[in-house]
Amino acid sequence: MSKIIEYESLAQTNAAFAGDYRAAFEAVLKSGWYILGPQVADFEQEFADYCGTKYCIGVASGLDAITLSLKAFDLPKNAEVVVPSNAYIACILGVINAGCKPVLVEPNINTYNIDPDKIEGAITNKTKAILAVHLYGKMCDMTAINTIAQKHGLKVIEDSAQAHGARHQDKKAGNWGDAGAFSFYPTKNLGALGDGGAITTSDADLADKLFYLRNYGSKIKYQNKYMGYNSRLDEMQAAFLRKKLVKLDEINSHKRKLADIYFDNLESRFVKPSRQTENFDVFHIFNIRCNKRDELKKYLFERRIKTEIHYPTPPHEQIAYRNFFNSTSFPISEEIHATTLSLPIAVFHTAAEVNYIAACVNGFK
């Protein structure tokens, strides 16, 4: 192909929504209501209905969704929270911001999600919660995780930032744990035109507390029930998200079709994502693994194909977080981070482009 195949182009992704976005912008502008108004309330109801939960609380980011969920549980200081060792750094930071201690557990090498068989070995009398991260658009084994949590009396938060519309046993992400934390960062399958996040839950008391916490601990102006935060999904982003939400299933379907092309065409020497009959994956990211990952990335770039790495450095090797993990080694996570490569699979990509990408990958020696 003569043109560059971008890994992601938000301009192309959002071009299909341009008319809807302009109408949404005009409506919000004319309303004069820009913070916690009817757009946020309507989106919260619509997204809760979509996920199958009773409540949705719009917040400022996916990071805040994790932090506020943990804060709302009122856990003791330095309570331990189990987190996968290959998670994005926001997961670790969300736990720390909530005054808790992240305890890393290795992922399953095939699914890249936290390995339920390794969780109980990390549980101590200080463990109070499990943060189940649905990485790349595949849900964790929530059946097993919930069983472990119930056995040990632990809270469960689903980090669903990459899994909008994904399902495990026909139940959607954000509807398995005590709370589901979502990001609407622009590159997500359900992405805004800026930062944004949400928490889903069916616990009425938890939802009520979160509605306070996200707005300075207040529901009534100048009356503060809790020491809260300024973490609010704004009206404009909510209006944009409402337009995209009605097309989310179409977006996921298109990405699943592109993934099928990769599955059907990539040679077996490249490690492709695993698929399970009980899971409906939405492929926020389509990653492969290759022992010569960096060379493959360069090879594809020379053929005008851009790729990404999610993620090049595991959390325990990040300079800012080394003291939390005492130089512990996590070999499975390290192997994933050293070999993973994300191929283009955005909503604007075509079948022809993905066929071409697959052929180029197969040409790498």
Protein backbone atom coordinates (compact mmCIF):
# COMPACT_ATOMS: atom_id res chain seq x y z
CA MET A 1 0.00 0.00 0.00
CA SER A 2 1.25 3.49 -0.81
CA LYS A 3 -0.36 5.29 2.12
CA ILE A 4 0.74 5.02 5.73
CA ILE A 5 -1.49 2.77 7.82
CA GLU A 6 -1.80 4.59 11.10
CA TYR A 7 -2.07 2.61 14.30
CA GLU A 8 -4.72 5.07 15.45
CA SER A 9 -6.12 8.29 14.02
CA LEU A 10 -8.68 9.95 16.22
CA ALA A 11 -9.64 12.30 13.40
CA GLN A 12 -10.58 9.31 11.23
CA THR A 13 -12.21 7.48 14.12
CA ASN A 14 -14.48 10.41 14.93
CA ALA A 15 -15.20 11.57 11.38
CA ALA A 16 -18.26 9.33 11.21
CA PHE A 17 -19.70 11.11 14.27
CA ALA A 18 -18.93 14.68 13.17
CA GLY A 19 -22.54 15.66 12.49
CA ASP A 20 -23.80 14.12 15.72
CA TYR A 21 -21.01 15.79 17.70
CA ARG A 22 -21.76 19.22 16.24
CA ALA A 23 -25.43 18.84 17.17
CA ALA A 24 -24.46 17.70 20.68
CA PHE A 25 -22.08 20.63 21.07
CA GLU A 26 -24.72 23.14 20.01
CA ALA A 27 -27.28 21.66 22.38
CA VAL A 28 -24.95 21.82 25.37
CA LEU A 29 -23.68 25.28 24.46
CA LYS A 30 -27.19 26.67 24.22
CA SER A 31 -28.31 24.99 27.43
CA GLY A 32 -25.83 26.98 29.52
CA TRP A 33 -25.44 23.93 31.80
CA TYR A 34 -21.91 22.50 31.62
CA ILE A 35 -21.31 20.56 34.85
CA LEU A 36 -23.46 17.69 36.21
CA GLY A 37 -26.52 18.46 34.15
CA PRO A 38 -29.04 16.47 32.10
CA GLN A 39 -26.48 15.12 29.61
CA VAL A 40 -24.48 13.45 32.38
CA ALA A 41 -27.62 12.12 34.07
CA ASP A 42 -28.96 10.70 30.80
CA PHE A 43 -25.62 9.14 29.89
CA GLU A 44 -25.33 7.58 33.33
CA GLN A 45 -28.71 5.93 32.93
CA GLU A 46 -28.01 4.81 29.37
CA PHE A 47 -24.60 3.37 30.20
CA ALA A 48 -25.92 1.60 33.30
CA ASP A 49 -28.65 0.06 31.14
CA TYR A 50 -26.05 -0.97 28.56
CA CYS A 51 -23.83 -2.65 31.16
CA GLY A 52 -26.77 -4.21 32.98
CA THR A 53 -26.16 -2.42 36.29
CA LYS A 54 -28.51 -0.31 38.37
CA TYR A 55 -26.23 2.71 38.64
CA CYS A 56 -23.51 4.58 36.78
CA ILE A 57 -21.53 7.46 38.25
CA GLY A 58 -19.71 9.68 35.78
CA VAL A 59 -16.23 10.75 36.88
CA ALA A 60 -13.27 12.58 35.37
CA SER A 61 -11.13 9.61 34.27
CA GLY A 62 -10.59 5.89 34.47
CA LEU A 63 -7.89 6.49 37.08
CA ASP A 64 -10.38 8.34 39.27
CA ALA A 65 -12.90 5.54 38.74
CA ILE A 66 -10.47 3.10 40.37
CA THR A 67 -9.43 5.47 43.14
CA LEU A 68 -12.95 6.57 44.10
CA SER A 69 -14.27 2.99 44.03
CA LEU A 70 -11.63 1.95 46.54
CA LYS A 71 -12.16 5.09 48.66
CA ALA A 72 -15.89 4.44 48.77
CA PHE A 73 -15.27 1.00 50.31
CA ASP A 74 -13.68 2.79 53.29
CA LEU A 75 -10.85 0.28 53.50
CA PRO A 76 -8.24 0.52 56.27
CA LYS A 77 -5.06 2.44 55.46
CA ASN A 78 -2.51 0.35 53.58
CA ALA A 79 -5.07 -2.34 52.87
CA GLU A 80 -3.69 -4.72 50.25
CA VAL A 81 -5.30 -4.86 46.81
CA VAL A 82 -4.42 -7.67 44.41
CA VAL A 83 -3.50 -6.32 40.95
CA PRO A 84 -2.13 -8.09 37.83
CA SER A 85 1.61 -7.59 37.39
CA ASN A 86 1.26 -6.60 33.71
CA ALA A 87 -1.43 -3.95 34.22
CA TYR A 88 -1.24 -0.41 32.88
CA ILE A 89 0.31 1.92 35.42
CA ALA A 90 -3.01 3.68 36.11
CA CYS A 91 -4.19 0.54 37.90
CA ILE A 92 -1.25 0.69 40.29
CA LEU A 93 -1.57 4.45 40.76
CA GLY A 94 -5.31 4.19 41.45
CA VAL A 95 -4.66 1.75 44.29
CA ILE A 96 -1.91 3.93 45.77
CA ASN A 97 -4.00 7.11 45.46
CA ALA A 98 -6.71 5.39 47.49
CA GLY A 99 -4.25 4.84 50.35
CA CYS A 100 -3.91 1.12 49.62
CA LYS A 101 -0.98 -1.15 48.81
CA PRO A 102 -0.85 -2.90 45.41
CA VAL A 103 0.12 -6.57 45.54
CA LEU A 104 1.12 -7.90 42.14
CA VAL A 105 -0.01 -11.28 40.85
CA GLU A 106 1.16 -12.78 37.58
CA PRO A 107 -1.17 -13.04 34.57
CA ASN A 108 -2.06 -16.13 32.59
CA ILE A 109 0.41 -16.26 29.70
CA ASN A 110 -2.40 -17.07 27.24
CA THR A 111 -5.12 -14.58 28.22
CA TYR A 112 -2.83 -11.82 29.62
CA ASN A 113 -5.37 -11.37 32.41
CA ILE A 114 -4.71 -12.07 36.07
CA ASP A 115 -4.35 -15.80 36.75
CA PRO A 116 -7.03 -16.88 39.24
CA ASP A 117 -4.91 -19.86 40.25
CA LYS A 118 -2.27 -17.50 41.62
CA ILE A 119 -4.53 -15.09 43.52
CA GLU A 120 -5.03 -17.06 46.74
CA GLY A 121 -1.27 -17.37 47.19
CA ALA A 122 -1.07 -13.58 47.45
CA ILE A 123 -3.90 -13.13 49.95
CA THR A 124 -3.00 -12.15 53.52
CA ASN A 125 -4.99 -10.87 56.46
CA LYS A 126 -4.42 -7.37 55.05
CA THR A 127 -5.93 -8.15 51.65
CA LYS A 128 -9.23 -6.36 51.18
CA ALA A 129 -9.89 -6.25 47.43
CA ILE A 130 -9.07 -7.63 43.98
CA LEU A 131 -8.67 -5.32 41.00
CA ALA A 132 -9.55 -7.47 37.99
CA VAL A 133 -8.17 -5.79 34.86
CA HIS A 134 -9.87 -6.78 31.59
CA LEU A 135 -6.84 -6.26 29.38
CA TYR A 136 -7.00 -5.63 25.61
CA GLY A 137 -10.79 -6.14 25.46
CA LYS A 138 -10.95 -9.62 27.00
CA MET A 139 -12.70 -10.12 30.31
CA CYS A 140 -11.01 -11.89 33.19
CA ASP A 141 -12.36 -15.19 34.48
CA MET A 142 -14.83 -13.41 36.74
CA THR A 143 -16.52 -16.65 37.76
CA ALA A 144 -13.31 -17.85 39.41
CA ILE A 145 -12.35 -14.42 40.76
CA ASN A 146 -15.74 -13.85 42.40
CA THR A 147 -15.57 -17.31 43.98
CA ILE A 148 -12.19 -16.45 45.53
CA ALA A 149 -13.43 -13.03 46.67
CA GLN A 150 -16.51 -14.47 48.34
CA LYS A 151 -14.42 -17.14 50.08
CA HIS A 152 -12.10 -14.52 51.58
CA GLY A 153 -14.56 -11.66 52.04
CA LEU A 154 -12.91 -9.38 49.47
CA LYS A 155 -14.27 -6.54 47.38
CA VAL A 156 -13.96 -6.83 43.59
CA ILE A 157 -13.37 -3.89 41.26
CA GLU A 158 -13.35 -4.52 37.53
CA ASP A 159 -11.02 -2.28 35.56
CA SER A 160 -13.12 -2.25 32.40
CA ALA A 161 -11.28 0.60 30.68
CA GLN A 162 -10.47 -1.59 27.67
CA ALA A 163 -13.59 -3.74 27.71
CA HIS A 164 -16.68 -1.66 26.89
CA GLY A 165 -19.28 -4.20 25.82
CA ALA A 166 -17.09 -7.26 26.44
CA ARG A 167 -18.81 -10.24 28.02
CA HIS A 168 -17.99 -13.22 30.18
CA GLN A 169 -20.72 -15.87 30.14
CA ASP A 170 -23.10 -13.36 28.53
CA LYS A 171 -22.70 -10.84 31.35
CA LYS A 172 -21.00 -7.58 30.48
CA ALA A 173 -17.91 -5.96 31.89
CA GLY A 174 -18.70 -3.71 34.83
CA ASN A 175 -21.52 -5.96 36.01
CA TRP A 176 -19.56 -8.69 37.81
CA GLY A 177 -17.79 -6.94 40.66
CA ASP A 178 -18.84 -4.64 43.46
CA ALA A 179 -17.84 -1.82 41.11
CA GLY A 180 -16.72 -1.44 37.51
CA ALA A 181 -14.22 1.28 36.58
CA PHE A 182 -14.37 2.62 33.01
CA SER A 183 -12.24 5.06 31.05
CA PHE A 184 -13.53 7.03 28.08
CA TYR A 185 -10.08 8.13 26.94
CA PRO A 186 -10.39 9.00 23.22
CA THR A 187 -8.71 5.80 21.94
CA LYS A 188 -11.13 3.46 23.75
CA ASN A 189 -13.86 1.61 21.88
CA LEU A 190 -16.22 4.04 23.61
CA GLY A 191 -14.01 7.11 23.59
CA ALA A 192 -14.84 10.74 24.32
CA LEU A 193 -13.17 13.83 22.84
CA GLY A 194 -11.19 14.29 26.03
CA ASP A 195 -10.81 12.57 29.38
CA GLY A 196 -13.74 10.96 31.13
CA GLY A 197 -14.66 7.92 33.18
CA ALA A 198 -17.46 6.16 35.00
CA ILE A 199 -18.15 3.70 37.79
CA THR A 200 -20.88 1.09 37.44
CA THR A 201 -22.48 -0.76 40.34
CA SER A 202 -25.75 -2.27 41.49
CA ASP A 203 -25.08 -1.43 45.14
CA ALA A 204 -27.36 1.46 46.08
CA ASP A 205 -25.33 2.53 49.12
CA LEU A 206 -22.05 2.45 47.20
CA ALA A 207 -23.55 4.45 44.33
CA ASP A 208 -24.94 7.04 46.73
CA LYS A 209 -21.55 7.54 48.36
CA LEU A 210 -19.83 7.81 44.97
CA PHE A 211 -22.26 10.50 43.83
CA TYR A 212 -21.09 12.48 46.87
CA LEU A 213 -17.39 11.73 46.54
CA ARG A 214 -17.08 12.80 42.91
CA ASN A 215 -18.44 16.29 43.74
CA TYR A 216 -16.49 17.53 46.77
CA GLY A 217 -18.44 15.16 49.01
CA SER A 218 -21.60 17.11 48.29
CA LYS A 219 -25.02 16.63 46.74
CA ILE A 220 -26.50 19.86 48.06
CA LYS A 221 -24.57 23.03 47.29
CA TYR A 222 -22.28 24.09 50.15
CA GLN A 223 -23.19 21.04 52.24
CA ASN A 224 -20.42 18.44 52.43
CA LYS A 225 -21.17 15.02 53.87
CA TYR A 226 -17.77 13.52 53.00
CA MET A 227 -14.27 14.72 52.26
CA GLY A 228 -14.61 14.36 48.53
CA TYR A 229 -12.94 15.10 45.21
CA ASN A 230 -13.45 17.15 42.10
CA SER A 231 -13.93 14.30 39.63
CA ARG A 232 -16.89 14.93 37.38
CA LEU A 233 -17.70 13.81 33.86
CA ASP A 234 -18.64 17.09 32.18
CA GLU A 235 -21.76 17.76 30.15
CA MET A 236 -19.98 18.13 26.81
CA GLN A 237 -18.18 14.79 27.02
CA ALA A 238 -21.36 13.09 28.23
CA ALA A 239 -23.23 14.49 25.22
CA PHE A 240 -20.55 13.14 22.86
CA LEU A 241 -20.52 9.76 24.60
CA ARG A 242 -24.30 9.44 24.29
CA LYS A 243 -23.95 9.75 20.50
CA LYS A 244 -21.23 7.11 20.33
CA LEU A 245 -22.84 4.71 22.80
CA VAL A 246 -25.68 3.92 20.40
CA LYS A 247 -23.04 2.73 17.91
CA LEU A 248 -20.81 0.88 20.37
CA ASP A 249 -22.04 -2.58 19.37
CA GLU A 250 -21.34 -1.73 15.72
CA ILE A 251 -17.86 -0.54 16.63
CA ASN A 252 -17.16 -3.74 18.55
CA SER A 253 -18.55 -5.86 15.72
CA HIS A 254 -16.28 -4.18 13.17
CA LYS A 255 -13.21 -4.69 15.35
CA ARG A 256 -14.14 -8.35 15.88
CA LYS A 257 -14.34 -8.82 12.09
CA LEU A 258 -10.90 -7.28 11.67
CA ALA A 259 -9.60 -9.56 14.43
CA ASP A 260 -10.97 -12.56 12.54
CA ILE A 261 -8.82 -11.60 9.55
CA TYR A 262 -5.74 -11.62 11.75
CA PHE A 263 -6.72 -14.96 13.30
CA ASP A 264 -7.34 -16.50 9.87
CA ASN A 265 -4.21 -15.17 8.18
CA LEU A 266 -1.35 -14.72 10.64
CA GLU A 267 1.06 -17.62 10.71
CA SER A 268 1.22 -19.78 13.81
CA ARG A 269 4.81 -18.71 14.60
CA PHE A 270 3.31 -15.47 15.90
CA VAL A 271 1.48 -15.88 19.20
CA LYS A 272 -2.07 -14.65 18.67
CA PRO A 273 -4.60 -13.81 21.41
CA SER A 274 -6.37 -16.81 22.85
CA ARG A 275 -10.12 -17.14 22.52
CA GLN A 276 -12.52 -18.80 24.96
CA THR A 277 -16.10 -19.84 24.23
CA GLU A 278 -17.32 -18.21 27.44
CA ASN A 279 -15.89 -14.81 26.47
CA PHE A 280 -16.99 -12.18 23.95
CA ASP A 281 -13.87 -10.13 23.21
CA VAL A 282 -14.07 -6.59 21.84
CA PHE A 283 -10.41 -6.16 20.79
CA HIS A 284 -9.64 -2.69 22.04
CA ILE A 285 -6.15 -3.96 21.23
CA PHE A 286 -5.07 -6.85 19.00
CA ASN A 287 -1.68 -7.95 20.25
CA ILE A 288 0.65 -10.64 19.00
CA ARG A 289 3.86 -11.85 20.58
CA CYS A 290 7.18 -12.29 18.82
CA ASN A 291 10.64 -12.92 20.27
CA LYS A 292 12.01 -10.38 17.79
CA ARG A 293 9.32 -7.81 18.59
CA ASP A 294 11.44 -4.69 18.11
CA GLU A 295 12.77 -5.92 14.78
CA LEU A 296 9.24 -6.76 13.65
CA LYS A 297 8.01 -3.31 14.66
CA LYS A 298 10.80 -1.69 12.62
CA TYR A 299 10.12 -4.03 9.68
CA LEU A 300 6.44 -3.06 9.61
CA PHE A 301 7.21 0.64 9.94
CA GLU A 302 9.46 0.38 6.89
CA ARG A 303 6.39 -0.95 5.08
CA ARG A 304 4.38 2.09 6.23
CA ILE A 305 2.52 0.24 8.98
CA LYS A 306 2.49 1.82 12.43
CA THR A 307 2.19 -0.34 15.53
CA GLU A 308 2.26 0.19 19.29
CA ILE A 309 3.51 -1.68 22.36
CA HIS A 310 1.08 -2.19 25.25
CA TYR A 311 3.20 -1.99 27.34
CA PRO A 312 7.00 -1.80 27.00
CA THR A 313 7.81 -1.72 30.74
CA PRO A 314 6.04 -3.68 33.50
CA PRO A 315 4.90 -1.76 36.61
CA HIS A 316 7.49 -3.26 38.95
CA GLU A 317 10.31 -1.95 36.71
CA GLN A 318 9.00 1.62 36.52
CA ILE A 319 11.29 4.03 38.37
CA ALA A 320 8.46 5.65 40.34
CA TYR A 321 7.13 2.34 41.68
CA ARG A 322 10.19 0.18 42.34
CA ASN A 323 10.09 0.80 46.08
CA PHE A 324 6.59 -0.66 46.26
CA PHE A 325 7.71 -4.02 44.92
CA ASN A 326 11.19 -4.46 46.44
CA SER A 327 12.87 -5.56 43.20
CA THR A 328 10.60 -8.61 42.97
CA SER A 329 10.72 -10.43 39.65
CA PHE A 330 7.60 -11.28 37.68
CA PRO A 331 8.88 -13.44 34.80
CA ILE A 332 5.55 -14.02 33.03
CA SER A 333 4.81 -10.31 33.00
CA GLU A 334 8.35 -9.56 31.88
CA GLU A 335 8.03 -12.01 28.98
CA ILE A 336 4.77 -10.41 27.84
CA HIS A 337 6.15 -6.88 28.03
CA ALA A 338 9.28 -7.90 26.09
CA THR A 339 7.46 -9.65 23.24
CA THR A 340 4.03 -8.04 22.76
CA LEU A 341 3.18 -5.92 19.74
CA SER A 342 -0.19 -4.26 19.02
CA LEU A 343 -1.36 -4.32 15.40
CA PRO A 344 -3.76 -1.74 13.87
CA ILE A 345 -7.41 -2.55 14.61
CA ALA A 346 -9.20 0.81 14.81
CA VAL A 347 -12.77 1.34 13.70
CA PHE A 348 -11.62 3.19 10.55
CA HIS A 349 -9.37 0.37 9.36
CA THR A 350 -10.62 -1.70 6.42
CA ALA A 351 -10.50 -5.42 5.74
CA ALA A 352 -8.12 -4.76 2.85
CA GLU A 353 -5.71 -2.91 5.14
CA VAL A 354 -5.75 -5.65 7.75
CA ASN A 355 -5.21 -8.35 5.11
CA TYR A 356 -2.20 -6.35 3.91
CA ILE A 357 -0.86 -5.98 7.46
CA ALA A 358 -1.21 -9.72 8.06
CA ALA A 359 0.67 -10.46 4.83
CA CYS A 360 3.47 -8.09 5.83
CA VAL A 361 3.75 -9.66 9.29
CA ASN A 362 3.99 -13.10 7.68
CA GLY A 363 6.79 -11.78 5.45
CA PHE A 364 8.97 -11.04 8.46
CA LYS A 365 11.77 -13.56 8.94
